Amino acid sequence: MEKKFDLVIRDMLRFAAIVLLWLAAYVSAGVFDFFETYASLWFLPAGVTLAVALTAPRRFLLAPLVANLLLAIPAVCGLLGVEFTNHRDPILHGFRLYVIFTGAGLVARHLIAVSLPIRDLKNQLQLIAIALVAALLGALSGVSLHAAVGNFPWPVAWEILLPWAVGDAIGTLIPLPILVPFLMWFFGRGVQAVLPEWRVIAFQLVTILLAMFIAFWAPSRGTYLDSLFYLILLPPVIFAVRGGLPSAATAIVLTALLTPPAANWFGFEGERISLQVLLLLTAISTLMIGGAVSDREVAFDAIKQHEADLEEEVANQTKDLRDAFEFQQHLIRSIGHDLRQPMHTVNMMLDGLVIEHKDTPAGAPLEQARAIGQTASGFIDKVLAYAKREAGRIDIICEEFALQRVFDQVLQTFEPEANQRGVILNVIPTNHQMTSDANLVWEAVSNLVQNAVRMSEDGLNVTVRAEIDETRIAVHVVDEINCVEGPNGQAGFGLELVRQIARMLDAKFTLKPNLASIEFASA
């Protein structure tokens, strides 16, 4: 853990570094003397002030003001090579601009809550709007102050308002995309400035210089080439489209910094305000395009990540399904070999014991044991059949057969059990032919009838009948079970078997109180 003294020293060094950064930006205004002084003096310091307000902890917010107030000291001005006729001017204008641009940064940071670093179009638009409003307020307050103290008349103030505002806007906008992430890193906020590779920046530099040469030199060859002046706009826009916001940031900074000396070098003779406006429009359009392209890249990355996550999830689910299928196959084999075969052996032994002890006191218990064994064996057979169908190991064999054949099997199989329970089993004859898998149809109907018979009490009726029209063949199993405890009389594993068979045969299974129906399409 850092000592308090070390933290103080570190903060003092950071504070001094911000002051030096601001002063360096102020001194660099001399490089842009191609424009009028009032339009370029605050070219970069305004951007530094706004960037500090956006990113710095509160204890560093006064650094831009301190830097500005240092200009009121003649020794500092002499060291920097700056001259003032009245050293009170830096104090007056320093407070004015500090309030405007720091206030704009704090509004963006706390009221609008602009996300930093600036990486998308929405935040880029918000910051552009804030910077333009701050630049307009700075220019308006500046000309008003000069006119009020008599430095120049009001008509002149309104005349220079536009170039002054454009200069402030350029100086505010241009450094933000690079300066904001740099300052966030500088203040230890876990963000590193993302810039293109040096090869990309070198290519940008060469391309921008070539565009400027054509833009400034071509008009001197003839008025018909004047439109090439707008070639300055193209390289930053192209780099923004190709590389997003990081590439747009470096391209617009290079364009803004190189335009004034290049215009001087090539002897630009056009309207200087038009060049300023072109720079401002280039900065705004480049940053907006860069933000939009970065948005698109983020969206594409999110889609790719989502696709990768989906692929991983599908792979995991596929593995789980494969494991479940293998377990199911193992379970089917285990039940078939380790449970069904011994159960059949036990049933055969019970059959022999029932015959042997038929007329003895042990006959009745043995008969009950045999009935229980046969029920358990039948349930195991149903489970195995269900598992095989779910695993796709059962082929559907469609053939034409008489529905009455199924009804006869129902009567033959379940009438003895119904009579034993005192249940009246009514099977209504039918002469209809249908095309389906006869074995699956029999299994579905038999499960419904078995459920109804076993759950019915003495004296109740169970009726099996067919309902036929041009579009469907329905087999209804009607019972008279009291449904006080539930909505349906039928229950149990047999119903799940019926649902499974209905899905396999494209049939519709319906379960209502005292009525279970399986409906097949007529063919």
Protein backbone atom coordinates (compact mmCIF):
# COMPACT_ATOMS: atom_id res chain seq x y z
CA MET A 1 0.00 0.00 0.00
CA GLU A 2 1.37 3.41 -1.00
CA LYS A 3 2.28 5.85 1.73
CA LYS A 4 0.34 9.11 2.01
CA PHE A 5 3.47 11.13 1.25
CA ASP A 6 4.09 9.14 -1.94
CA LEU A 7 0.49 9.70 -3.03
CA VAL A 8 0.83 13.45 -2.52
CA ILE A 9 4.05 13.59 -4.54
CA ARG A 10 2.47 11.56 -7.33
CA ASP A 11 -0.59 13.82 -7.45
CA MET A 12 1.62 16.92 -7.51
CA LEU A 13 3.55 15.53 -10.46
CA ARG A 14 0.32 14.71 -12.27
CA PHE A 15 -1.02 18.19 -11.59
CA ALA A 16 2.18 19.72 -12.97
CA ALA A 17 1.99 17.48 -16.04
CA ILE A 18 -1.54 18.71 -16.81
CA VAL A 19 -0.39 22.33 -16.43
CA LEU A 20 2.50 21.70 -18.83
CA LEU A 21 0.16 19.97 -21.30
CA TRP A 22 -2.15 22.97 -21.29
CA LEU A 23 0.75 25.43 -21.75
CA ALA A 24 2.17 23.33 -24.59
CA ALA A 25 -1.19 23.47 -26.31
CA TYR A 26 -1.30 27.23 -25.79
CA VAL A 27 2.17 27.78 -27.21
CA SER A 28 1.37 25.59 -30.20
CA ALA A 29 -1.22 28.16 -31.24
CA GLY A 30 1.65 30.02 -32.87
CA VAL A 31 1.92 27.20 -35.38
CA PHE A 32 -1.56 28.05 -36.62
CA ASP A 33 -0.97 31.75 -37.26
CA PHE A 34 -2.27 31.20 -40.76
CA PHE A 35 -5.64 32.04 -39.23
CA GLU A 36 -6.44 35.21 -37.35
CA THR A 37 -5.12 35.22 -33.77
CA TYR A 38 -8.58 35.41 -32.24
CA ALA A 39 -9.61 32.37 -34.26
CA SER A 40 -6.68 30.20 -33.31
CA LEU A 41 -5.36 31.33 -29.91
CA TRP A 42 -7.56 28.83 -28.05
CA PHE A 43 -7.23 26.21 -30.75
CA LEU A 44 -6.04 23.37 -28.49
CA PRO A 45 -6.20 24.66 -24.88
CA ALA A 46 -10.00 24.55 -25.05
CA GLY A 47 -9.85 20.87 -25.95
CA VAL A 48 -7.37 20.16 -23.14
CA THR A 49 -9.62 21.92 -20.61
CA LEU A 50 -12.70 19.98 -21.73
CA ALA A 51 -10.79 16.67 -21.73
CA VAL A 52 -9.51 17.27 -18.20
CA ALA A 53 -13.03 18.09 -16.99
CA LEU A 54 -14.30 14.87 -18.57
CA THR A 55 -11.68 12.56 -17.10
CA ALA A 56 -9.79 14.03 -14.14
CA PRO A 57 -10.53 13.48 -10.43
CA ARG A 58 -11.75 16.61 -8.69
CA ARG A 59 -8.34 17.46 -7.23
CA PHE A 60 -6.97 17.98 -10.77
CA LEU A 61 -9.80 20.08 -12.20
CA LEU A 62 -8.07 23.38 -11.39
CA ALA A 63 -4.94 22.51 -13.41
CA PRO A 64 -6.13 24.23 -16.65
CA LEU A 65 -7.03 27.38 -14.70
CA VAL A 66 -3.67 27.42 -12.94
CA ALA A 67 -1.92 27.06 -16.30
CA ASN A 68 -3.92 29.94 -17.73
CA LEU A 69 -3.21 32.18 -14.72
CA LEU A 70 0.52 31.51 -15.05
CA LEU A 71 0.39 33.57 -18.25
CA ALA A 72 -0.21 36.62 -16.08
CA ILE A 73 3.39 36.26 -14.83
CA PRO A 74 5.80 38.13 -17.17
CA ALA A 75 8.61 35.67 -16.47
CA VAL A 76 6.45 32.73 -17.59
CA CYS A 77 5.39 34.62 -20.74
CA GLY A 78 9.02 35.38 -21.51
CA LEU A 79 9.96 31.74 -21.07
CA LEU A 80 7.17 30.66 -23.40
CA GLY A 81 7.79 33.44 -25.92
CA VAL A 82 4.32 34.93 -25.43
CA GLU A 83 3.68 38.66 -25.25
CA PHE A 84 0.81 40.51 -23.54
CA THR A 85 0.29 44.27 -23.50
CA ASN A 86 -1.85 43.81 -20.40
CA HIS A 87 -1.12 40.85 -18.13
CA ARG A 88 -4.57 41.10 -16.59
CA ASP A 89 -6.09 39.75 -19.84
CA PRO A 90 -5.01 36.12 -19.18
CA ILE A 91 -6.67 36.30 -15.77
CA LEU A 92 -9.95 37.66 -17.10
CA HIS A 93 -10.15 35.36 -20.11
CA GLY A 94 -8.75 32.44 -18.12
CA PHE A 95 -11.66 32.46 -15.69
CA ARG A 96 -14.14 32.97 -18.55
CA LEU A 97 -12.94 30.02 -20.60
CA TYR A 98 -12.32 27.81 -17.59
CA VAL A 99 -15.94 28.22 -16.48
CA ILE A 100 -17.29 27.52 -19.99
CA PHE A 101 -15.21 24.49 -21.01
CA THR A 102 -14.88 22.93 -17.56
CA GLY A 103 -18.60 23.44 -17.08
CA ALA A 104 -19.28 21.76 -20.44
CA GLY A 105 -17.12 18.80 -19.42
CA LEU A 106 -18.84 18.42 -16.06
CA VAL A 107 -22.28 18.60 -17.71
CA ALA A 108 -21.27 15.85 -20.14
CA ARG A 109 -19.73 13.79 -17.35
CA HIS A 110 -22.42 14.04 -14.68
CA LEU A 111 -25.69 15.24 -16.21
CA ILE A 112 -25.60 13.58 -19.63
CA ALA A 113 -23.37 10.75 -18.36
CA VAL A 114 -21.36 10.35 -21.57
CA SER A 115 -19.62 6.98 -21.53
CA LEU A 116 -15.84 7.22 -21.63
CA PRO A 117 -13.71 6.50 -23.50
CA ILE A 118 -15.75 7.59 -26.48
CA ARG A 119 -16.34 4.45 -28.54
CA ASP A 120 -19.74 4.71 -30.19
CA LEU A 121 -21.77 7.06 -32.35
CA LYS A 122 -24.23 8.09 -29.63
CA ASN A 123 -21.54 9.35 -27.25
CA GLN A 124 -19.66 10.91 -30.15
CA LEU A 125 -22.75 12.92 -31.16
CA GLN A 126 -23.34 14.00 -27.56
CA LEU A 127 -19.76 15.18 -27.21
CA ILE A 128 -19.81 17.00 -30.57
CA ALA A 129 -22.96 18.86 -29.55
CA ILE A 130 -21.49 19.82 -26.17
CA ALA A 131 -18.22 20.98 -27.75
CA LEU A 132 -20.03 23.10 -30.34
CA VAL A 133 -22.23 24.75 -27.72
CA ALA A 134 -19.19 25.45 -25.52
CA ALA A 135 -17.28 26.90 -28.48
CA LEU A 136 -20.20 29.17 -29.36
CA LEU A 137 -20.50 30.37 -25.76
CA GLY A 138 -16.74 30.91 -25.59
CA ALA A 139 -16.70 32.96 -28.78
CA LEU A 140 -19.79 34.98 -27.84
CA SER A 141 -18.44 35.78 -24.37
CA GLY A 142 -15.04 36.63 -25.84
CA VAL A 143 -16.20 39.13 -28.44
CA SER A 144 -18.68 40.63 -25.99
CA LEU A 145 -15.98 41.12 -23.38
CA HIS A 146 -13.60 42.76 -25.87
CA ALA A 147 -16.34 45.02 -27.19
CA ALA A 148 -17.45 45.93 -23.66
CA VAL A 149 -13.96 47.07 -22.60
CA GLY A 150 -13.50 48.99 -25.86
CA ASN A 151 -10.90 46.86 -27.59
CA PHE A 152 -13.01 47.05 -30.78
CA PRO A 153 -16.53 48.22 -31.69
CA TRP A 154 -19.57 45.94 -31.57
CA PRO A 155 -19.90 45.66 -35.41
CA VAL A 156 -16.39 44.25 -35.52
CA ALA A 157 -17.26 41.89 -32.65
CA TRP A 158 -20.18 40.39 -34.58
CA GLU A 159 -18.02 40.20 -37.70
CA ILE A 160 -15.36 38.06 -36.03
CA LEU A 161 -17.81 35.97 -34.01
CA LEU A 162 -18.07 33.19 -36.64
CA PRO A 163 -14.33 32.57 -37.22
CA TRP A 164 -13.74 32.81 -33.46
CA ALA A 165 -16.44 30.17 -32.77
CA VAL A 166 -15.17 27.94 -35.57
CA GLY A 167 -11.61 28.12 -34.22
CA ASP A 168 -12.73 27.23 -30.71
CA ALA A 169 -14.87 24.38 -32.04
CA ILE A 170 -11.97 22.91 -34.01
CA GLY A 171 -9.63 23.19 -31.05
CA THR A 172 -12.19 21.58 -28.74
CA LEU A 173 -13.21 18.69 -30.97
CA ILE A 174 -9.98 17.55 -32.54
CA PRO A 175 -7.94 16.38 -29.53
CA LEU A 176 -10.80 14.74 -27.60
CA PRO A 177 -10.79 11.22 -29.20
CA ILE A 178 -7.07 10.84 -28.45
CA LEU A 179 -6.74 12.98 -25.33
CA VAL A 180 -9.69 11.50 -23.39
CA PRO A 181 -8.44 7.86 -23.35
CA PHE A 182 -4.88 9.09 -22.76
CA LEU A 183 -5.95 11.11 -19.71
CA MET A 184 -8.06 8.22 -18.41
CA TRP A 185 -4.95 6.05 -18.55
CA PHE A 186 -2.87 8.87 -17.03
CA PHE A 187 -5.24 9.13 -14.06
CA GLY A 188 -5.21 5.37 -13.54
CA ARG A 189 -8.75 4.62 -14.66
CA GLY A 190 -7.81 1.34 -16.34
CA VAL A 191 -8.08 2.53 -19.94
CA GLN A 192 -5.32 2.50 -22.50
CA ALA A 193 -5.38 4.79 -25.51
CA VAL A 194 -6.04 2.74 -28.64
CA LEU A 195 -4.24 4.08 -31.69
CA PRO A 196 -3.60 2.57 -35.12
CA GLU A 197 -0.23 0.99 -35.80
CA TRP A 198 2.60 3.34 -36.69
CA ARG A 199 2.54 2.08 -40.27
CA VAL A 200 -1.10 3.13 -40.54
CA ILE A 201 -0.34 6.56 -39.07
CA ALA A 202 2.61 6.97 -41.47
CA PHE A 203 0.36 6.06 -44.40
CA GLN A 204 -2.23 8.56 -43.16
CA LEU A 205 0.43 11.26 -42.98
CA VAL A 206 1.64 10.68 -46.54
CA THR A 207 -1.92 10.49 -47.91
CA ILE A 208 -3.04 13.66 -46.12
CA LEU A 209 0.03 15.60 -47.30
CA LEU A 210 -0.58 14.47 -50.87
CA ALA A 211 -4.23 15.51 -50.65
CA MET A 212 -3.22 18.92 -49.28
CA PHE A 213 -0.66 19.43 -52.02
CA ILE A 214 -3.32 18.80 -54.67
CA ALA A 215 -5.94 20.87 -52.81
CA PHE A 216 -3.70 23.95 -52.41
CA TRP A 217 -1.60 23.70 -55.55
CA ALA A 218 -4.25 22.77 -58.12
CA PRO A 219 -6.32 26.00 -57.87
CA SER A 220 -3.22 28.00 -58.80
CA ARG A 221 -3.14 26.11 -62.13
CA GLY A 222 -6.60 27.33 -63.09
CA THR A 223 -9.99 28.24 -61.69
CA TYR A 224 -11.50 25.09 -63.18
CA LEU A 225 -9.52 23.14 -60.53
CA ASP A 226 -10.90 25.10 -57.58
CA SER A 227 -13.20 22.25 -56.58
CA LEU A 228 -10.14 20.13 -55.74
CA PHE A 229 -9.84 22.30 -52.66
CA TYR A 230 -12.36 20.00 -51.00
CA LEU A 231 -9.99 17.06 -51.41
CA ILE A 232 -8.81 17.84 -47.86
CA LEU A 233 -12.05 16.27 -46.62
CA LEU A 234 -11.57 12.86 -48.25
CA PRO A 235 -8.59 11.19 -46.48
CA PRO A 236 -9.96 11.49 -42.91
CA VAL A 237 -13.38 10.24 -44.03
CA ILE A 238 -11.85 7.29 -45.86
CA PHE A 239 -9.66 6.39 -42.88
CA ALA A 240 -12.71 6.65 -40.60
CA VAL A 241 -14.64 4.24 -42.82
CA ARG A 242 -11.73 1.83 -42.95
CA GLY A 243 -10.57 1.92 -39.33
CA GLY A 244 -13.36 3.28 -37.15
CA LEU A 245 -12.93 5.85 -34.39
CA PRO A 246 -9.20 5.26 -33.56
CA SER A 247 -8.24 5.75 -37.20
CA ALA A 248 -10.60 8.72 -37.52
CA ALA A 249 -9.05 10.37 -34.45
CA THR A 250 -5.48 10.26 -35.74
CA ALA A 251 -6.53 11.25 -39.27
CA ILE A 252 -8.43 14.34 -38.16
CA VAL A 253 -5.64 15.42 -35.77
CA LEU A 254 -3.08 15.14 -38.58
CA THR A 255 -5.37 17.03 -40.96
CA ALA A 256 -6.04 19.84 -38.49
CA LEU A 257 -2.41 20.24 -37.46
CA LEU A 258 -1.01 20.11 -41.00
CA THR A 259 -3.56 22.31 -42.76
CA PRO A 260 -2.36 25.77 -41.52
CA PRO A 261 1.36 25.25 -42.26
CA ALA A 262 0.51 23.53 -45.55
CA ALA A 263 -1.72 26.44 -46.55
CA ASN A 264 1.14 28.83 -45.77
CA TRP A 265 3.67 26.69 -47.60
CA PHE A 266 1.61 26.29 -50.77
CA GLY A 267 0.38 29.87 -50.71
CA PHE A 268 -3.34 29.29 -50.29
CA GLU A 269 -5.18 32.33 -51.64
CA GLY A 270 -8.78 31.42 -50.90
CA GLU A 271 -11.06 32.58 -48.10
CA ARG A 272 -9.49 31.55 -44.81
CA ILE A 273 -12.85 31.26 -43.08
CA SER A 274 -13.89 28.73 -45.73
CA LEU A 275 -10.81 26.68 -44.86
CA GLN A 276 -11.73 26.85 -41.17
CA VAL A 277 -15.29 25.77 -41.83
CA LEU A 278 -14.02 22.94 -44.04
CA LEU A 279 -11.77 21.77 -41.21
CA LEU A 280 -14.67 21.88 -38.75
CA LEU A 281 -16.99 19.95 -41.08
CA THR A 282 -14.20 17.46 -41.74
CA ALA A 283 -13.71 16.94 -37.99
CA ILE A 284 -17.43 16.49 -37.30
CA SER A 285 -18.12 14.16 -40.25
CA THR A 286 -14.97 12.11 -39.63
CA LEU A 287 -15.72 11.59 -35.95
CA MET A 288 -19.36 10.70 -36.67
CA ILE A 289 -18.40 8.19 -39.36
CA GLY A 290 -15.69 6.76 -37.11
CA GLY A 291 -18.19 6.35 -34.29
CA ALA A 292 -20.71 4.65 -36.60
CA VAL A 293 -18.08 2.27 -37.97
CA SER A 294 -16.89 1.42 -34.46
CA ASP A 295 -20.53 0.78 -33.49
CA ARG A 296 -20.83 -1.63 -36.39
CA GLU A 297 -17.61 -3.40 -35.43
CA VAL A 298 -18.82 -3.75 -31.84
CA ALA A 299 -22.13 -5.14 -33.09
CA PHE A 300 -20.33 -7.61 -35.39
CA ASP A 301 -18.06 -8.68 -32.53
CA ALA A 302 -21.11 -9.19 -30.32
CA ILE A 303 -22.78 -11.27 -33.04
CA LYS A 304 -19.64 -13.36 -33.51
CA GLN A 305 -19.36 -13.89 -29.77
CA HIS A 306 -23.03 -14.83 -29.62
CA GLU A 307 -22.55 -17.30 -32.47
CA ALA A 308 -19.50 -18.75 -30.72
CA ASP A 309 -21.49 -19.08 -27.49
CA LEU A 310 -24.34 -20.74 -29.40
CA GLU A 311 -21.94 -23.16 -31.07
CA GLU A 312 -20.43 -24.03 -27.70
CA GLU A 313 -23.89 -24.46 -26.19
CA VAL A 314 -25.01 -26.65 -29.12
CA ALA A 315 -21.84 -28.72 -28.79
CA ASN A 316 -22.43 -29.15 -25.05
CA GLN A 317 -26.08 -30.05 -25.56
CA THR A 318 -25.14 -32.46 -28.35
CA LYS A 319 -22.67 -34.12 -26.02
CA ASP A 320 -25.32 -34.28 -23.28
CA LEU A 321 -27.81 -35.79 -25.71
CA ARG A 322 -25.24 -38.28 -26.90
CA ASP A 323 -24.43 -39.23 -23.31
CA ALA A 324 -28.15 -39.48 -22.51
CA PHE A 325 -28.73 -41.65 -25.60
CA GLU A 326 -25.87 -43.94 -24.68
CA PHE A 327 -27.20 -44.18 -21.13
CA GLN A 328 -30.66 -44.93 -22.49
CA GLN A 329 -29.28 -47.70 -24.68
CA HIS A 330 -27.38 -49.12 -21.73
CA LEU A 331 -30.51 -48.91 -19.59
CA ILE A 332 -32.60 -50.68 -22.25
CA ARG A 333 -30.05 -53.46 -22.48
CA SER A 334 -29.80 -53.73 -18.70
CA ILE A 335 -33.57 -53.85 -18.22
CA GLY A 336 -33.98 -56.35 -21.05
CA HIS A 337 -31.21 -58.64 -19.86
CA ASP A 338 -30.88 -58.12 -16.13
CA LEU A 339 -34.52 -57.59 -15.19
CA ARG A 340 -36.91 -58.91 -17.81
CA GLN A 341 -35.31 -62.33 -18.20
CA PRO A 342 -35.24 -63.04 -14.44
CA MET A 343 -38.82 -61.76 -14.19
CA HIS A 344 -39.93 -64.15 -16.90
CA THR A 345 -38.17 -66.98 -15.09
CA VAL A 346 -39.94 -66.08 -11.84
CA ASN A 347 -43.29 -65.99 -13.67
CA MET A 348 -42.66 -69.43 -15.15
CA MET A 349 -41.83 -70.77 -11.69
CA LEU A 350 -45.01 -69.19 -10.28
CA ASP A 351 -47.06 -70.75 -13.11
CA GLY A 352 -45.72 -74.16 -12.15
CA LEU A 353 -46.34 -73.58 -8.44
CA VAL A 354 -49.89 -72.38 -9.08
CA ILE A 355 -50.65 -75.57 -11.01
CA GLU A 356 -48.96 -77.74 -8.40
CA HIS A 357 -50.71 -76.12 -5.40
CA LYS A 358 -54.00 -75.25 -7.07
CA ASP A 359 -56.16 -77.06 -4.51
CA THR A 360 -54.04 -76.26 -1.44
CA PRO A 361 -54.16 -73.28 0.96
CA ALA A 362 -51.05 -71.88 -0.80
CA GLY A 363 -52.89 -71.74 -4.13
CA ALA A 364 -54.53 -68.33 -3.60
CA PRO A 365 -51.38 -66.50 -2.48
CA LEU A 366 -49.44 -68.05 -5.33
CA GLU A 367 -52.12 -66.95 -7.78
CA GLN A 368 -51.85 -63.39 -6.47
CA ALA A 369 -48.06 -63.52 -6.75
CA ARG A 370 -48.35 -64.73 -10.33
CA ALA A 371 -50.74 -61.86 -11.15
CA ILE A 372 -48.32 -59.36 -9.62
CA GLY A 373 -45.41 -60.90 -11.53
CA GLN A 374 -47.30 -60.78 -14.82
CA THR A 375 -48.25 -57.14 -14.18
CA ALA A 376 -44.62 -56.25 -13.44
CA SER A 377 -43.43 -58.16 -16.49
CA GLY A 378 -46.00 -56.35 -18.65
CA PHE A 379 -44.89 -52.99 -17.27
CA ILE A 380 -41.25 -53.81 -18.04
CA ASP A 381 -42.22 -54.74 -21.60
CA LYS A 382 -44.02 -51.40 -21.97
CA VAL A 383 -41.03 -49.45 -20.67
CA LEU A 384 -38.71 -51.25 -23.09
CA ALA A 385 -41.07 -50.63 -25.98
CA TYR A 386 -41.37 -46.96 -25.02
CA ALA A 387 -37.57 -46.55 -24.79
CA LYS A 388 -37.01 -48.27 -28.14
CA ARG A 389 -39.57 -46.02 -29.82
CA GLU A 390 -37.99 -42.89 -28.31
CA ALA A 391 -34.58 -44.06 -29.54
CA GLY A 392 -35.99 -44.51 -33.06
CA ARG A 393 -35.42 -48.24 -33.06
CA ILE A 394 -39.00 -49.09 -34.06
CA ASP A 395 -40.02 -48.94 -37.71
CA ILE A 396 -43.61 -47.97 -38.48
CA ILE A 397 -45.23 -50.51 -40.80
CA CYS A 398 -48.33 -49.07 -42.42
CA GLU A 399 -50.80 -51.51 -43.90
CA GLU A 400 -54.53 -51.75 -44.39
CA PHE A 401 -56.35 -53.74 -41.69
CA ALA A 402 -59.79 -54.11 -40.21
CA LEU A 403 -60.33 -52.00 -37.09
CA GLN A 404 -62.60 -54.74 -35.79
CA ARG A 405 -59.51 -56.92 -35.45
CA VAL A 406 -58.19 -54.55 -32.81
CA PHE A 407 -61.58 -54.50 -31.10
CA ASP A 408 -61.67 -58.30 -31.02
CA GLN A 409 -58.24 -58.33 -29.37
CA VAL A 410 -59.50 -55.81 -26.80
CA LEU A 411 -62.50 -57.99 -25.96
CA GLN A 412 -60.44 -61.17 -25.81
CA THR A 413 -57.67 -59.62 -23.65
CA PHE A 414 -59.60 -57.49 -21.17
CA GLU A 415 -63.04 -59.13 -20.84
CA PRO A 416 -61.81 -61.75 -18.32
CA GLU A 417 -60.23 -59.08 -16.11
CA ALA A 418 -63.32 -56.85 -16.47
CA ASN A 419 -65.61 -59.72 -15.44
CA GLN A 420 -63.39 -60.50 -12.49
CA ARG A 421 -63.61 -56.87 -11.30
CA GLY A 422 -67.35 -56.64 -11.98
CA VAL A 423 -66.79 -54.06 -14.72
CA ILE A 424 -68.99 -54.21 -17.81
CA LEU A 425 -66.83 -54.00 -20.96
CA ASN A 426 -68.79 -52.93 -24.06
CA VAL A 427 -67.01 -53.09 -27.44
CA ILE A 428 -69.18 -51.67 -30.24
CA PRO A 429 -68.47 -53.56 -33.51
CA THR A 430 -67.18 -51.68 -36.55
CA ASN A 431 -66.62 -52.70 -40.17
CA HIS A 432 -64.18 -49.94 -41.09
CA GLN A 433 -60.84 -50.55 -42.78
CA MET A 434 -57.91 -48.25 -41.87
CA THR A 435 -54.30 -47.85 -42.98
CA SER A 436 -51.75 -47.56 -40.19
CA ASP A 437 -49.45 -49.67 -38.05
CA ALA A 438 -51.84 -52.26 -36.62
CA ASN A 439 -49.55 -53.22 -33.72
CA LEU A 440 -49.13 -49.59 -32.57
CA VAL A 441 -52.85 -48.92 -32.90
CA TRP A 442 -53.58 -52.01 -30.80
CA GLU A 443 -51.03 -50.95 -28.17
CA ALA A 444 -52.49 -47.45 -27.89
CA VAL A 445 -56.10 -48.64 -27.61
CA SER A 446 -55.18 -51.46 -25.22
CA ASN A 447 -53.46 -49.05 -22.84
CA LEU A 448 -56.56 -46.84 -22.73
CA VAL A 449 -58.85 -49.81 -22.13
CA GLN A 450 -56.56 -51.34 -19.51
CA ASN A 451 -56.42 -48.05 -17.61
CA ALA A 452 -60.19 -47.66 -17.71
CA VAL A 453 -60.91 -51.24 -16.60
CA ARG A 454 -58.43 -51.26 -13.73
CA MET A 455 -59.60 -47.91 -12.36
CA SER A 456 -63.33 -48.67 -12.64
CA GLU A 457 -65.27 -50.00 -9.68
CA ASP A 458 -67.76 -52.86 -9.56
CA GLY A 459 -70.83 -52.24 -11.74
CA LEU A 460 -69.35 -49.46 -13.87
CA ASN A 461 -69.24 -49.54 -17.68
CA VAL A 462 -66.28 -49.17 -20.02
CA THR A 463 -67.24 -48.69 -23.65
CA VAL A 464 -65.00 -48.90 -26.72
CA ARG A 465 -66.40 -47.48 -29.94
CA ALA A 466 -65.29 -45.99 -33.25
CA GLU A 467 -66.41 -42.70 -34.75
CA ILE A 468 -65.79 -42.33 -38.47
CA ASP A 469 -66.32 -39.56 -41.01
CA GLU A 470 -64.68 -38.44 -44.25
CA THR A 471 -61.62 -36.89 -42.60
CA ARG A 472 -60.91 -38.93 -39.49
CA ILE A 473 -61.18 -42.23 -37.64
CA ALA A 474 -61.52 -41.83 -33.87
CA VAL A 475 -61.43 -44.60 -31.27
CA HIS A 476 -63.15 -43.56 -28.03
CA VAL A 477 -62.78 -45.26 -24.65
CA VAL A 478 -65.58 -44.08 -22.36
CA ASP A 479 -65.63 -44.85 -18.63
CA GLU A 480 -67.77 -43.94 -15.62
CA ILE A 481 -64.98 -43.32 -13.13
CA ASN A 482 -65.71 -40.72 -10.45
CA CYS A 483 -63.37 -37.75 -11.20
CA VAL A 484 -63.62 -35.98 -7.82
CA GLU A 485 -59.87 -35.92 -7.24
CA GLY A 486 -58.80 -34.95 -10.72
CA PRO A 487 -60.04 -33.78 -14.12
CA ASN A 488 -59.49 -37.11 -15.84
CA GLY A 489 -60.47 -40.61 -15.04
CA GLN A 490 -57.47 -42.07 -16.87
CA ALA A 491 -53.99 -41.89 -15.40
CA GLY A 492 -50.64 -43.68 -15.31
CA PHE A 493 -47.70 -44.56 -17.53
CA GLY A 494 -50.03 -46.00 -20.15
CA LEU A 495 -51.20 -42.51 -21.12
CA GLU A 496 -47.62 -41.48 -21.89
CA LEU A 497 -47.33 -44.53 -24.12
CA VAL A 498 -50.49 -43.45 -25.95
CA ARG A 499 -49.12 -39.92 -26.43
CA GLN A 500 -45.88 -41.34 -27.80
CA ILE A 501 -47.69 -43.61 -30.26
CA ALA A 502 -49.98 -40.76 -31.33
CA ARG A 503 -46.92 -38.63 -32.17
CA MET A 504 -45.40 -41.46 -34.17
CA LEU A 505 -48.60 -42.08 -36.15
CA ASP A 506 -49.45 -38.37 -36.63
CA ALA A 507 -52.60 -38.97 -34.63
CA LYS A 508 -54.33 -36.70 -32.11
CA PHE A 509 -54.72 -37.87 -28.53
CA THR A 510 -57.41 -36.20 -26.43
CA LEU A 511 -58.08 -36.79 -22.74
CA LYS A 512 -61.24 -35.49 -21.10
CA PRO A 513 -63.19 -36.49 -17.98
CA ASN A 514 -64.47 -40.07 -18.61
CA LEU A 515 -63.35 -39.94 -22.25
CA ALA A 516 -60.03 -40.81 -23.88
CA SER A 517 -59.79 -40.60 -27.67
CA ILE A 518 -57.14 -41.23 -30.26
CA GLU A 519 -57.95 -39.76 -33.65
CA PHE A 520 -56.34 -40.90 -36.92
CA ALA A 521 -56.50 -39.21 -40.30
CA SER A 522 -58.78 -41.05 -42.70
CA ALA A 523 -56.97 -42.67 -45.64
